PDB file of N, CA and C in Angstrom:
ATOM      1  N   MET A   1      19.968 317.898 197.498  1.00  0.00           N
ATOM      2  CA  MET A   1      20.176 316.573 196.933  1.00  0.00           C
ATOM      3  C   MET A   1      21.856 317.077 197.048  1.00  0.00           C
ATOM      4  N   SER A   2      22.670 316.262 197.595  1.00  0.00           N
ATOM      5  CA  SER A   2      23.944 316.572 197.671  1.00  0.00           C
ATOM      6  C   SER A   2      24.915 316.401 196.032  1.00  0.00           C
ATOM      7  N   ARG A   3      26.396 317.167 196.553  1.00  0.00           N
ATOM      8  CA  ARG A   3      27.109 317.074 195.168  1.00  0.00           C
ATOM      9  C   ARG A   3      27.626 315.635 194.668  1.00  0.00           C
ATOM     10  N   SER A   4      27.679 314.937 195.561  1.00  0.00           N
ATOM     11  CA  SER A   4      27.969 313.430 194.996  1.00  0.00           C
ATOM     12  C   SER A   4      27.118 312.790 194.427  1.00  0.00           C
ATOM     13  N   SER A   5      25.961 312.988 195.021  1.00  0.00           N
ATOM     14  CA  SER A   5      24.816 311.800 194.747  1.00  0.00           C
ATOM     15  C   SER A   5      24.393 312.611 193.709  1.00  0.00           C
ATOM     16  N   ARG A   6      24.300 313.847 192.779  1.00  0.00           N
ATOM     17  CA  ARG A   6      23.940 314.204 191.159  1.00  0.00           C
ATOM     18  C   ARG A   6      24.846 314.203 190.580  1.00  0.00           C
ATOM     19  N   CYS A   7      26.210 313.624 190.769  1.00  0.00           N
ATOM     20  CA  CYS A   7      27.498 313.385 190.306  1.00  0.00           C
ATOM     21  C   CYS A   7      26.954 311.698 189.505  1.00  0.00           C
ATOM     22  N   SER A   8      26.965 310.962 190.793  1.00  0.00           N
ATOM     23  CA  SER A   8      26.774 309.547 190.309  1.00  0.00           C
ATOM     24  C   SER A   8      25.309 308.520 189.581  1.00  0.00           C
ATOM     25  N   SER A   9      24.355 310.145 189.905  1.00  0.00           N
ATOM     26  CA  SER A   9      23.319 309.146 189.561  1.00  0.00           C
ATOM     27  C   SER A   9      22.921 308.894 188.067  1.00  0.00           C
ATOM     28  N   PRO A  10      23.400 310.032 187.439  1.00  0.00           N
ATOM     29  CA  PRO A  10      24.023 309.412 185.889  1.00  0.00           C
ATOM     30  C   PRO A  10      24.347 308.119 185.266  1.00  0.00           C
ATOM     31  N   GLY A  11      25.720 307.967 185.939  1.00  0.00           N
ATOM     32  CA  GLY A  11      26.345 306.439 186.090  1.00  0.00           C
ATOM     33  C   GLY A  11      25.530 305.649 186.286  1.00  0.00           C
ATOM     34  N   PHE A  12      23.902 305.105 187.292  1.00  0.00           N
ATOM     35  CA  PHE A  12      23.316 304.311 187.792  1.00  0.00           C
ATOM     36  C   PHE A  12      22.643 303.968 186.883  1.00  0.00           C
ATOM     37  N   VAL A  13      21.872 304.423 186.082  1.00  0.00           N
ATOM     38  CA  VAL A  13      20.623 304.182 185.602  1.00  0.00           C
ATOM     39  C   VAL A  13      21.383 303.045 184.154  1.00  0.00           C
ATOM     40  N   PRO A  14      22.180 303.637 183.893  1.00  0.00           N
ATOM     41  CA  PRO A  14      22.598 302.391 182.514  1.00  0.00           C
ATOM     42  C   PRO A  14      23.285 301.200 183.478  1.00  0.00           C
ATOM     43  N   ALA A  15      23.413 301.418 184.654  1.00  0.00           N
ATOM     44  CA  ALA A  15      24.420 300.328 184.972  1.00  0.00           C
ATOM     45  C   ALA A  15      23.185 299.181 185.850  1.00  0.00           C
ATOM     46  N   ALA A  16      22.428 300.130 186.282  1.00  0.00           N
ATOM     47  CA  ALA A  16      21.038 298.948 186.483  1.00  0.00           C
ATOM     48  C   ALA A  16      20.649 298.888 185.269  1.00  0.00           C
ATOM     49  N   VAL A  17      20.250 299.140 184.206  1.00  0.00           N
ATOM     50  CA  VAL A  17      19.634 298.443 182.792  1.00  0.00           C
ATOM     51  C   VAL A  17      20.783 297.624 182.891  1.00  0.00           C
ATOM     52  N   ILE A  18      21.832 297.161 182.452  1.00  0.00           N
ATOM     53  CA  ILE A  18      23.460 296.667 181.970  1.00  0.00           C
ATOM     54  C   ILE A  18      22.861 295.531 182.941  1.00  0.00           C
ATOM     55  N   GLY A  19      22.674 295.578 184.350  1.00  0.00           N
ATOM     56  CA  GLY A  19      22.478 294.487 185.232  1.00  0.00           C
ATOM     57  C   GLY A  19      21.505 293.907 185.528  1.00  0.00           C
ATOM     58  N   VAL A  20      20.244 294.851 184.983  1.00  0.00           N
ATOM     59  CA  VAL A  20      19.018 293.797 184.757  1.00  0.00           C
ATOM     60  C   VAL A  20      18.710 292.860 183.418  1.00  0.00           C
ATOM     61  N   CYS A  21      19.721 293.190 182.508  1.00  0.00           N
ATOM     62  CA  CYS A  21      20.005 292.602 180.881  1.00  0.00           C
ATOM     63  C   CYS A  21      20.596 291.495 181.276  1.00  0.00           C
ATOM     64  N   LEU A  22      21.588 291.248 182.395  1.00  0.00           N
ATOM     65  CA  LEU A  22      22.404 290.571 182.360  1.00  0.00           C
ATOM     66  C   LEU A  22      21.720 289.424 183.220  1.00  0.00           C
ATOM     67  N   TRP A  23      21.274 289.592 184.480  1.00  0.00           N
ATOM     68  CA  TRP A  23      20.709 289.056 184.601  1.00  0.00           C
ATOM     69  C   TRP A  23      19.236 288.122 184.325  1.00  0.00           C
ATOM     70  N   GLN A  24      18.920 288.877 183.339  1.00  0.00           N
ATOM     71  CA  GLN A  24      17.801 288.188 182.056  1.00  0.00           C
ATOM     72  C   GLN A  24      18.882 287.276 181.702  1.00  0.00           C
ATOM     73  N   ARG A  25      19.346 287.424 181.445  1.00  0.00           N
ATOM     74  CA  ARG A  25      19.926 286.427 180.342  1.00  0.00           C
ATOM     75  C   ARG A  25      21.142 284.782 181.073  1.00  0.00           C
ATOM     76  N   TRP A  26      20.736 285.040 182.252  1.00  0.00           N
ATOM     77  CA  TRP A  26      21.544 284.407 182.750  1.00  0.00           C
ATOM     78  C   TRP A  26      20.291 283.180 183.446  1.00  0.00           C
ATOM     79  N   TRP A  27      19.052 284.188 183.902  1.00  0.00           N
ATOM     80  CA  TRP A  27      17.631 283.177 184.298  1.00  0.00           C
ATOM     81  C   TRP A  27      17.454 282.257 183.390  1.00  0.00           C
ATOM     82  N   ARG A  28      17.381 282.998 181.836  1.00  0.00           N
ATOM     83  CA  ARG A  28      16.918 282.268 181.052  1.00  0.00           C
ATOM     84  C   ARG A  28      17.656 280.725 180.307  1.00  0.00           C
ATOM     85  N   SER A  29      18.809 281.376 180.366  1.00  0.00           N
ATOM     86  CA  SER A  29      20.089 280.259 179.940  1.00  0.00           C
ATOM     87  C   SER A  29      19.973 279.289 181.403  1.00  0.00           C
ATOM     88  N   ARG A  30      19.590 279.370 182.285  1.00  0.00           N
ATOM     89  CA  ARG A  30      19.375 278.477 183.389  1.00  0.00           C
ATOM     90  C   ARG A  30      18.302 277.860 183.064  1.00  0.00           C
ATOM     91  N   ARG A  31      17.397 278.489 183.049  1.00  0.00           N
ATOM     92  CA  ARG A  31      15.925 277.759 182.820  1.00  0.00           C
ATOM     93  C   ARG A  31      15.715 276.687 181.669  1.00  0.00           C
ATOM     94  N   ILE A  32      16.514 276.717 180.810  1.00  0.00           N
ATOM     95  CA  ILE A  32      17.131 276.261 179.753  1.00  0.00           C
ATOM     96  C   ILE A  32      18.178 274.974 179.740  1.00  0.00           C
ATOM     97  N   SER A  33      18.867 275.227 180.786  1.00  0.00           N
ATOM     98  CA  SER A  33      19.771 274.085 181.369  1.00  0.00           C
ATOM     99  C   SER A  33      20.662 274.371 180.466  1.00  0.00           C
ATOM    100  N   TRP A  34      20.924 275.198 179.776  1.00  0.00           N
ATOM    101  CA  TRP A  34      22.097 275.905 179.066  1.00  0.00           C
ATOM    102  C   TRP A  34      23.700 275.606 180.186  1.00  0.00           C
ATOM    103  N   ALA A  35      24.241 274.864 179.498  1.00  0.00           N
ATOM    104  CA  ALA A  35      25.746 275.356 180.278  1.00  0.00           C
ATOM    105  C   ALA A  35      26.544 276.129 179.318  1.00  0.00           C
ATOM    106  N   GLY A  36      26.802 276.827 178.424  1.00  0.00           N
ATOM    107  CA  GLY A  36      27.556 277.408 178.060  1.00  0.00           C
ATOM    108  C   GLY A  36      28.182 276.006 176.780  1.00  0.00           C
ATOM    109  N   PRO A  37      29.086 277.641 176.052  1.00  0.00           N
ATOM    110  CA  PRO A  37      29.549 276.478 174.454  1.00  0.00           C
ATOM    111  C   PRO A  37      30.697 275.789 175.192  1.00  0.00           C
ATOM    112  N   LYS A  38      30.975 274.336 174.721  1.00  0.00           N
ATOM    113  CA  LYS A  38      31.709 273.748 174.665  1.00  0.00           C
ATOM    114  C   LYS A  38      33.410 273.967 174.222  1.00  0.00           C
ATOM    115  N   ASP A  39      34.068 273.252 174.899  1.00  0.00           N
ATOM    116  CA  ASP A  39      35.683 273.753 174.332  1.00  0.00           C
ATOM    117  C   ASP A  39      35.915 272.801 173.965  1.00  0.00           C
ATOM    118  N   THR A  40      37.341 272.101 173.424  1.00  0.00           N
ATOM    119  CA  THR A  40      38.242 271.255 173.577  1.00  0.00           C
ATOM    120  C   THR A  40      39.381 271.653 174.277  1.00  0.00           C
ATOM    121  N   ARG A  41      40.210 271.137 175.329  1.00  0.00           N
ATOM    122  CA  ARG A  41      40.799 270.967 176.193  1.00  0.00           C
ATOM    123  C   ARG A  41      42.261 271.046 174.950  1.00  0.00           C
ATOM    124  N   PRO A  42      43.097 272.316 174.790  1.00  0.00           N
ATOM    125  CA  PRO A  42      44.008 271.775 174.539  1.00  0.00           C
ATOM    126  C   PRO A  42      45.468 271.050 174.461  1.00  0.00           C
ATOM    127  N   SER A  43      46.018 270.704 173.710  1.00  0.00           N
ATOM    128  CA  SER A  43      47.276 269.653 174.028  1.00  0.00           C
ATOM    129  C   SER A  43      48.671 270.510 174.298  1.00  0.00           C
ATOM    130  N   LEU A  44      48.881 269.676 174.850  1.00  0.00           N
ATOM    131  CA  LEU A  44      50.331 269.933 175.453  1.00  0.00           C
ATOM    132  C   LEU A  44      51.189 270.521 174.507  1.00  0.00           C
ATOM    133  N   ILE A  45      51.340 270.202 173.083  1.00  0.00           N
ATOM    134  CA  ILE A  45      52.047 270.491 172.342  1.00  0.00           C
ATOM    135  C   ILE A  45      51.569 272.280 171.594  1.00  0.00           C
ATOM    136  N   PHE A  46      50.219 271.943 171.561  1.00  0.00           N
ATOM    137  CA  PHE A  46      49.162 273.232 171.195  1.00  0.00           C
ATOM    138  C   PHE A  46      50.050 274.448 172.177  1.00  0.00           C
ATOM    139  N   LEU A  47      49.745 274.200 173.804  1.00  0.00           N
ATOM    140  CA  LEU A  47      50.515 275.035 174.324  1.00  0.00           C
ATOM    141  C   LEU A  47      52.415 275.551 174.387  1.00  0.00           C
ATOM    142  N   LEU A  48      52.863 274.221 173.937  1.00  0.00           N
ATOM    143  CA  LEU A  48      54.009 274.835 173.795  1.00  0.00           C
ATOM    144  C   LEU A  48      54.201 275.254 172.828  1.00  0.00           C
ATOM    145  N   THR A  49      53.487 275.240 171.590  1.00  0.00           N
ATOM    146  CA  THR A  49      53.727 276.153 170.071  1.00  0.00           C
ATOM    147  C   THR A  49      53.377 277.459 170.622  1.00  0.00           C
ATOM    148  N   SER A  50      52.146 277.550 171.351  1.00  0.00           N
ATOM    149  CA  SER A  50      51.933 279.220 171.688  1.00  0.00           C
ATOM    150  C   SER A  50      52.789 279.711 172.718  1.00  0.00           C
ATOM    151  N   LEU A  51      53.168 278.956 173.414  1.00  0.00           N
ATOM    152  CA  LEU A  51      54.234 280.019 173.950  1.00  0.00           C
ATOM    153  C   LEU A  51      55.579 280.370 173.354  1.00  0.00           C
ATOM    154  N   ARG A  52      56.318 279.443 172.629  1.00  0.00           N
ATOM    155  CA  ARG A  52      57.040 279.685 172.043  1.00  0.00           C
ATOM    156  C   ARG A  52      56.641 280.802 170.745  1.00  0.00           C
ATOM    157  N   ASP A  53      55.767 281.004 170.487  1.00  0.00           N
ATOM    158  CA  ASP A  53      54.998 282.080 169.215  1.00  0.00           C
ATOM    159  C   ASP A  53      54.792 283.443 170.049  1.00  0.00           C
ATOM    160  N   ALA A  54      54.705 283.464 171.325  1.00  0.00           N
ATOM    161  CA  ALA A  54      54.174 284.425 172.104  1.00  0.00           C
ATOM    162  C   ALA A  54      55.852 284.988 172.950  1.00  0.00           C
ATOM    163  N   ALA A  55      56.685 284.479 172.960  1.00  0.00           N
ATOM    164  CA  ALA A  55      57.945 284.239 173.919  1.00  0.00           C
ATOM    165  C   ALA A  55      58.507 285.918 174.058  1.00  0.00           C
ATOM    166  N   VAL A  56      59.086 285.898 172.431  1.00  0.00           N
ATOM    167  CA  VAL A  56      59.201 287.271 171.637  1.00  0.00           C
ATOM    168  C   VAL A  56      58.667 288.605 172.257  1.00  0.00           C
ATOM    169  N   PRO A  57      57.028 288.821 172.030  1.00  0.00           N
ATOM    170  CA  PRO A  57      56.472 289.833 172.465  1.00  0.00           C
ATOM    171  C   PRO A  57      56.116 289.626 174.248  1.00  0.00           C
ATOM    172  N   LEU A  58      56.143 288.623 174.614  1.00  0.00           N
ATOM    173  CA  LEU A  58      55.917 288.691 176.040  1.00  0.00           C
ATOM    174  C   LEU A  58      57.321 289.491 176.947  1.00  0.00           C
ATOM    175  N   VAL A  59      58.363 289.348 176.454  1.00  0.00           N
ATOM    176  CA  VAL A  59      59.609 290.170 176.803  1.00  0.00           C
ATOM    177  C   VAL A  59      59.137 291.455 177.099  1.00  0.00           C
ATOM    178  N   ILE A  60      58.505 292.364 176.591  1.00  0.00           N
ATOM    179  CA  ILE A  60      58.138 293.921 176.144  1.00  0.00           C
ATOM    180  C   ILE A  60      57.879 293.963 177.635  1.00  0.00           C
ATOM    181  N   PRO A  61      57.103 293.579 178.315  1.00  0.00           N
ATOM    182  CA  PRO A  61      56.209 293.856 179.468  1.00  0.00           C
ATOM    183  C   PRO A  61      57.501 293.460 181.060  1.00  0.00           C
ATOM    184  N   LEU A  62      57.794 292.598 180.708  1.00  0.00           N
ATOM    185  CA  LEU A  62      58.808 292.074 181.269  1.00  0.00           C
ATOM    186  C   LEU A  62      60.265 293.121 181.543  1.00  0.00           C
ATOM    187  N   VAL A  63      60.696 293.385 180.434  1.00  0.00           N
ATOM    188  CA  VAL A  63      61.741 294.604 180.072  1.00  0.00           C
ATOM    189  C   VAL A  63      61.119 296.033 181.108  1.00  0.00           C
ATOM    190  N   ILE A  64      59.540 296.584 180.970  1.00  0.00           N
ATOM    191  CA  ILE A  64      59.734 297.362 181.457  1.00  0.00           C
ATOM    192  C   ILE A  64      59.351 297.434 182.947  1.00  0.00           C
ATOM    193  N   LEU A  65      59.020 296.611 183.407  1.00  0.00           N
ATOM    194  CA  LEU A  65      58.472 296.322 184.917  1.00  0.00           C
ATOM    195  C   LEU A  65      59.675 295.550 185.605  1.00  0.00           C
ATOM    196  N   GLY A  66      60.279 295.141 184.803  1.00  0.00           N
ATOM    197  CA  GLY A  66      61.829 294.784 185.695  1.00  0.00           C
ATOM    198  C   GLY A  66      62.608 296.153 185.607  1.00  0.00           C
ATOM    199  N   GLY A  67      62.823 296.788 184.652  1.00  0.00           N
ATOM    200  CA  GLY A  67      63.371 298.494 185.039  1.00  0.00           C
ATOM    201  C   GLY A  67      62.747 299.508 185.357  1.00  0.00           C
ATOM    202  N   PHE A  68      61.848 299.233 186.046  1.00  0.00           N
ATOM    203  CA  PHE A  68      60.773 300.133 187.056  1.00  0.00           C
ATOM    204  C   PHE A  68      61.672 299.787 188.060  1.00  0.00           C
ATOM    205  N   TYR A  69      61.283 298.491 188.596  1.00  0.00           N
ATOM    206  CA  TYR A  69      61.156 297.523 189.834  1.00  0.00           C
ATOM    207  C   TYR A  69      62.655 297.760 190.188  1.00  0.00           C
ATOM    208  N   LEU A  70      63.453 297.171 189.019  1.00  0.00           N
ATOM    209  CA  LEU A  70      64.845 297.390 190.083  1.00  0.00           C
ATOM    210  C   LEU A  70      65.404 298.702 189.496  1.00  0.00           C
ATOM    211  N   GLY A  71      64.711 299.577 189.055  1.00  0.00           N
ATOM    212  CA  GLY A  71      65.223 301.528 189.094  1.00  0.00           C
ATOM    213  C   GLY A  71      66.486 301.692 187.818  1.00  0.00           C
ATOM    214  N   ALA A  72      66.484 300.654 187.107  1.00  0.00           N
ATOM    215  CA  ALA A  72      67.236 300.606 185.723  1.00  0.00           C
ATOM    216  C   ALA A  72      66.890 302.165 184.558  1.00  0.00           C
ATOM    217  N   PHE A  73      65.750 302.200 184.692  1.00  0.00           N
ATOM    218  CA  PHE A  73      65.344 303.343 183.892  1.00  0.00           C
ATOM    219  C   PHE A  73      64.172 303.815 184.501  1.00  0.00           C
ATOM    220  N   THR A  74      63.321 305.113 183.680  1.00  0.00           N
ATOM    221  CA  THR A  74      62.635 305.475 183.942  1.00  0.00           C
ATOM    222  C   THR A  74      61.436 305.382 182.595  1.00  0.00           C
ATOM    223  N   ALA A  75      60.012 305.831 182.759  1.00  0.00           N
ATOM    224  CA  ALA A  75      59.149 305.516 182.164  1.00  0.00           C
ATOM    225  C   ALA A  75      59.740 306.287 180.412  1.00  0.00           C
ATOM    226  N   THR A  76      60.164 307.238 180.309  1.00  0.00           N
ATOM    227  CA  THR A  76      61.063 307.619 179.279  1.00  0.00           C
ATOM    228  C   THR A  76      61.793 306.716 178.118  1.00  0.00           C
ATOM    229  N   GLU A  77      62.738 306.539 179.794  1.00  0.00           N
ATOM    230  CA  GLU A  77      63.834 305.297 178.948  1.00  0.00           C
ATOM    231  C   GLU A  77      63.068 304.165 178.238  1.00  0.00           C
ATOM    232  N   ALA A  78      61.661 303.708 179.274  1.00  0.00           N
ATOM    233  CA  ALA A  78      61.701 302.192 179.148  1.00  0.00           C
ATOM    234  C   ALA A  78      60.706 302.599 177.749  1.00  0.00           C
ATOM    235  N   GLY A  79      60.566 303.667 177.251  1.00  0.00           N
ATOM    236  CA  GLY A  79      59.585 303.777 175.743  1.00  0.00           C
ATOM    237  C   GLY A  79      60.937 303.608 174.634  1.00  0.00           C
ATOM    238  N   ALA A  80      61.753 304.299 175.008  1.00  0.00           N
ATOM    239  CA  ALA A  80      62.786 304.660 173.975  1.00  0.00           C
ATOM    240  C   ALA A  80      63.351 302.931 174.036  1.00  0.00           C
ATOM    241  N   ILE A  81      63.496 302.086 175.072  1.00  0.00           N
ATOM    242  CA  ILE A  81      64.138 300.727 174.769  1.00  0.00           C
ATOM    243  C   ILE A  81      63.261 299.419 174.088  1.00  0.00           C
ATOM    244  N   VAL A  82      62.025 299.654 174.614  1.00  0.00           N
ATOM    245  CA  VAL A  82      60.801 298.828 174.255  1.00  0.00           C
ATOM    246  C   VAL A  82      60.480 299.101 172.650  1.00  0.00           C
ATOM    247  N   ALA A  83      61.004 300.758 172.065  1.00  0.00           N
ATOM    248  CA  ALA A  83      60.591 300.713 170.659  1.00  0.00           C
ATOM    249  C   ALA A  83      61.846 300.057 169.817  1.00  0.00           C
ATOM    250  N   LEU A  84      63.436 299.727 170.623  1.00  0.00           N
ATOM    251  CA  LEU A  84      64.452 299.729 169.975  1.00  0.00           C
ATOM    252  C   LEU A  84      64.300 298.455 169.882  1.00  0.00           C
ATOM    253  N   TYR A  85      63.742 297.340 170.976  1.00  0.00           N
ATOM    254  CA  TYR A  85      63.533 296.478 171.153  1.00  0.00           C
ATOM    255  C   TYR A  85      62.289 295.759 169.958  1.00  0.00           C
ATOM    256  N   SER A  86      61.067 296.446 169.941  1.00  0.00           N
ATOM    257  CA  SER A  86      60.057 296.203 168.492  1.00  0.00           C
ATOM    258  C   SER A  86      60.752 296.216 167.359  1.00  0.00           C
ATOM    259  N   LEU A  87      61.621 296.952 166.773  1.00  0.00           N
ATOM    260  CA  LEU A  87      62.550 297.432 165.607  1.00  0.00           C
ATOM    261  C   LEU A  87      63.411 296.121 165.637  1.00  0.00           C
ATOM    262  N   LEU A  88      64.171 295.859 166.492  1.00  0.00           N
ATOM    263  CA  LEU A  88      64.983 294.821 166.425  1.00  0.00           C
ATOM    264  C   LEU A  88      64.005 293.362 166.229  1.00  0.00           C
ATOM    265  N   ALA A  89      63.196 293.370 167.054  1.00  0.00           N
ATOM    266  CA  ALA A  89      62.352 291.925 166.442  1.00  0.00           C
ATOM    267  C   ALA A  89      61.592 291.640 165.532  1.00  0.00           C
ATOM    268  N   ALA A  90      61.225 293.026 164.845  1.00  0.00           N
ATOM    269  CA  ALA A  90      60.057 293.061 163.516  1.00  0.00           C
ATOM    270  C   ALA A  90      61.518 292.945 162.141  1.00  0.00           C
ATOM    271  N   ARG A  91      62.805 293.514 162.498  1.00  0.00           N
ATOM    272  CA  ARG A  91      63.913 293.656 161.511  1.00  0.00           C
ATOM    273  C   ARG A  91      64.422 291.204 161.901  1.00  0.00           C
ATOM    274  N   LEU A  92      65.017 291.112 162.695  1.00  0.00           N
ATOM    275  CA  LEU A  92      65.637 290.470 162.953  1.00  0.00           C
ATOM    276  C   LEU A  92      65.030 289.015 163.398  1.00  0.00           C
ATOM    277  N   TYR A  93      63.977 289.302 163.877  1.00  0.00           N
ATOM    278  CA  TYR A  93      62.692 287.652 164.713  1.00  0.00           C
ATOM    279  C   TYR A  93      61.213 287.385 163.433  1.00  0.00           C
ATOM    280  N   TYR A  94      60.931 288.552 162.961  1.00  0.00           N
ATOM    281  CA  TYR A  94      59.860 288.352 161.885  1.00  0.00           C
ATOM    282  C   TYR A  94      60.251 288.797 160.499  1.00  0.00           C
ATOM    283  N   ARG A  95      61.211 289.178 160.083  1.00  0.00           N
ATOM    284  CA  ARG A  95      61.897 289.739 159.458  1.00  0.00           C
ATOM    285  C   ARG A  95      60.637 290.432 158.324  1.00  0.00           C
ATOM    286  N   ASN A  96      60.087 291.083 159.155  1.00  0.00           N
ATOM    287  CA  ASN A  96      58.822 292.044 157.756  1.00  0.00           C
ATOM    288  C   ASN A  96      59.353 293.530 157.900  1.00  0.00           C
ATOM    289  N   LEU A  97      60.790 293.802 158.249  1.00  0.00           N
ATOM    290  CA  LEU A  97      60.956 295.330 157.666  1.00  0.00           C
ATOM    291  C   LEU A  97      62.410 295.243 157.372  1.00  0.00           C
ATOM    292  N   SER A  98      62.589 295.653 156.079  1.00  0.00           N
ATOM    293  CA  SER A  98      64.453 295.541 155.989  1.00  0.00           C
ATOM    294  C   SER A  98      64.986 297.224 156.465  1.00  0.00           C
ATOM    295  N   TRP A  99      66.345 297.313 156.463  1.00  0.00           N
ATOM    296  CA  TRP A  99      66.608 298.013 156.898  1.00  0.00           C
ATOM    297  C   TRP A  99      66.440 299.640 156.819  1.00  0.00           C
ATOM    298  N   MET A 100      66.184 299.411 154.729  1.00  0.00           N
ATOM    299  CA  MET A 100      65.481 300.672 154.291  1.00  0.00           C
ATOM    300  C   MET A 100      64.161 301.366 155.250  1.00  0.00           C
ATOM    301  N   GLN A 101      63.239 300.534 155.006  1.00  0.00           N
ATOM    302  CA  GLN A 101      62.018 300.697 155.803  1.00  0.00           C
ATOM    303  C   GLN A 101      62.167 301.527 157.677  1.00  0.00           C
ATOM    304  N   ILE A 102      63.193 300.627 157.861  1.00  0.00           N
ATOM    305  CA  ILE A 102      63.444 300.967 159.527  1.00  0.00           C
ATOM    306  C   ILE A 102      63.821 302.275 159.558  1.00  0.00           C
ATOM    307  N   LEU A 103      65.086 302.997 158.310  1.00  0.00           N
ATOM    308  CA  LEU A 103      65.786 304.474 158.105  1.00  0.00           C
ATOM    309  C   LEU A 103      64.385 305.168 157.732  1.00  0.00           C
ATOM    310  N   HIS A 104      63.449 304.936 156.973  1.00  0.00           N
ATOM    311  CA  HIS A 104      61.893 305.743 156.580  1.00  0.00           C
ATOM    312  C   HIS A 104      61.583 305.907 158.174  1.00  0.00           C
ATOM    313  N   ILE A 105      61.031 304.706 158.641  1.00  0.00           N
ATOM    314  CA  ILE A 105      60.177 304.816 159.784  1.00  0.00           C
ATOM    315  C   ILE A 105      61.216 306.218 160.785  1.00  0.00           C
ATOM    316  N   GLY A 106      62.248 306.430 160.806  1.00  0.00           N
ATOM    317  CA  GLY A 106      63.319 306.883 162.002  1.00  0.00           C
ATOM    318  C   GLY A 106      62.845 308.095 161.271  1.00  0.00           C
ATOM    319  N   TYR A 107      63.263 308.717 159.810  1.00  0.00           N
ATOM    320  CA  TYR A 107      63.179 309.852 158.989  1.00  0.00           C
ATOM    321  C   TYR A 107      61.562 310.473 159.609  1.00  0.00           C
ATOM    322  N   ASP A 108      60.394 309.798 159.441  1.00  0.00           N
ATOM    323  CA  ASP A 108      59.054 310.277 159.243  1.00  0.00           C
ATOM    324  C   ASP A 108      59.240 310.430 160.745  1.00  0.00           C
ATOM    325  N   SER A 109      59.749 309.768 161.808  1.00  0.00           N
ATOM    326  CA  SER A 109      59.438 309.991 163.325  1.00  0.00           C
ATOM    327  C   SER A 109      60.299 311.602 163.521  1.00  0.00           C
ATOM    328  N   ALA A 110      61.321 311.828 162.911  1.00  0.00           N
ATOM    329  CA  ALA A 110      62.450 312.959 163.228  1.00  0.00           C
ATOM    330  C   ALA A 110      61.551 314.107 163.067  1.00  0.00           C
ATOM    331  N   VAL A 111      60.711 313.972 161.292  1.00  0.00           N
ATOM    332  CA  VAL A 111      60.154 314.783 161.432  1.00  0.00           C
ATOM    333  C   VAL A 111      59.165 314.998 162.150  1.00  0.00           C
ATOM    334  N   LEU A 112      57.863 314.653 162.480  1.00  0.00           N
ATOM    335  CA  LEU A 112      56.820 314.651 163.585  1.00  0.00           C
ATOM    336  C   LEU A 112      57.498 315.405 164.821  1.00  0.00           C
ATOM    337  N   THR A 113      58.657 314.602 165.154  1.00  0.00           N
ATOM    338  CA  THR A 113      58.748 315.470 165.949  1.00  0.00           C
ATOM    339  C   THR A 113      59.817 316.777 166.067  1.00  0.00           C
ATOM    340  N   ALA A 114      60.347 317.331 165.075  1.00  0.00           N
ATOM    341  CA  ALA A 114      60.411 318.262 164.398  1.00  0.00           C
ATOM    342  C   ALA A 114      59.464 319.207 164.461  1.00  0.00           C
ATOM    343  N   VAL A 115      57.874 319.136 164.060  1.00  0.00           N
ATOM    344  CA  VAL A 115      56.982 319.645 164.107  1.00  0.00           C
ATOM    345  C   VAL A 115      56.583 319.544 165.187  1.00  0.00           C
ATOM    346  N   VAL A 116      56.899 319.141 166.045  1.00  0.00           N
ATOM    347  CA  VAL A 116      55.607 319.264 167.327  1.00  0.00           C
ATOM    348  C   VAL A 116      56.996 320.267 168.152  1.00  0.00           C
ATOM    349  N   VAL A 117      58.105 319.968 168.107  1.00  0.00           N
ATOM    350  CA  VAL A 117      59.164 320.583 168.656  1.00  0.00           C
ATOM    351  C   VAL A 117      58.676 322.083 168.266  1.00  0.00           C
ATOM    352  N   PHE A 118      58.768 322.354 167.074  1.00  0.00           N
ATOM    353  CA  PHE A 118      57.963 323.742 166.455  1.00  0.00           C
ATOM    354  C   PHE A 118      57.392 324.802 166.676  1.00  0.00           C
ATOM    355  N   LEU A 119      55.754 323.459 166.745  1.00  0.00           N
ATOM    356  CA  LEU A 119      54.831 324.070 167.401  1.00  0.00           C
ATOM    357  C   LEU A 119      54.944 324.514 168.488  1.00  0.00           C
ATOM    358  N   LEU A 120      55.607 324.030 169.639  1.00  0.00           N
ATOM    359  CA  LEU A 120      55.903 324.132 171.599  1.00  0.00           C
ATOM    360  C   LEU A 120      56.261 325.726 171.599  1.00  0.00           C
ATOM    361  N   ALA A 121      57.608 325.681 170.449  1.00  0.00           N
ATOM    362  CA  ALA A 121      58.547 327.158 170.404  1.00  0.00           C
ATOM    363  C   ALA A 121      57.864 328.286 169.699  1.00  0.00           C
ATOM    364  N   TRP A 122      56.858 327.985 168.457  1.00  0.00           N
ATOM    365  CA  TRP A 122      55.683 329.104 168.112  1.00  0.00           C
ATOM    366  C   TRP A 122      54.549 329.619 169.389  1.00  0.00           C
ATOM    367  N   ARG A 123      54.681 328.579 170.135  1.00  0.00           N
ATOM    368  CA  ARG A 123      53.504 328.740 171.193  1.00  0.00           C
ATOM    369  C   ARG A 123      54.332 329.414 172.089  1.00  0.00           C
ATOM    370  N   ARG A 124      55.516 328.881 172.493  1.00  0.00           N
ATOM    371  CA  ARG A 124      55.923 329.626 173.874  1.00  0.00           C
ATOM    372  C   ARG A 124      55.926 331.695 173.334  1.00  0.00           C
ATOM    373  N   SER A 125      56.872 331.294 171.862  1.00  0.00           N
ATOM    374  CA  SER A 125      56.985 333.397 171.815  1.00  0.00           C
ATOM    375  C   SER A 125      56.065 334.000 171.663  1.00  0.00           C
ATOM    376  N   PHE A 126      54.458 333.508 171.517  1.00  0.00           N
ATOM    377  CA  PHE A 126      53.549 334.496 171.784  1.00  0.00           C
ATOM    378  C   PHE A 126      52.758 334.354 173.431  1.00  0.00           C
ATOM    379  N   ASN A 127      53.443 333.465 174.077  1.00  0.00           N
ATOM    380  CA  ASN A 127      53.206 333.529 175.176  1.00  0.00           C
ATOM    381  C   ASN A 127      51.733 332.628 175.250  1.00  0.00           C
ATOM    382  N   ILE A 128      51.164 331.854 174.739  1.00  0.00           N
ATOM    383  CA  ILE A 128      50.266 331.143 174.425  1.00  0.00           C
ATOM    384  C   ILE A 128      50.188 330.213 175.445  1.00  0.00           C
TER     385      ILE A 128
END
């Protein structure tokens, strides 16, 4: 038995079982003529309201991908920009964070970063 067939065979059995189960469910639903759940068509006002509510969070992927494709920043810089945008959106748009809570979050982040840097420096001193 070749190496590639030994690696892929354990994943074949669960995939085959899932495929047989899905086929069986499809076959039974077709047998009783079940067309699926009926849902109402959303109105234009509902769609526009949903788009308005989702506009602020939808900016994040645009900033990340736009910055990458335009060459404006790297992945690390994109993370920092998105973190700043998220903090400003939480404070100014959603209004669920106070400036004191933002300072507390910054302090906790600085402490955790210092712990990680300390552990890396300790590891390096012992050449581990």
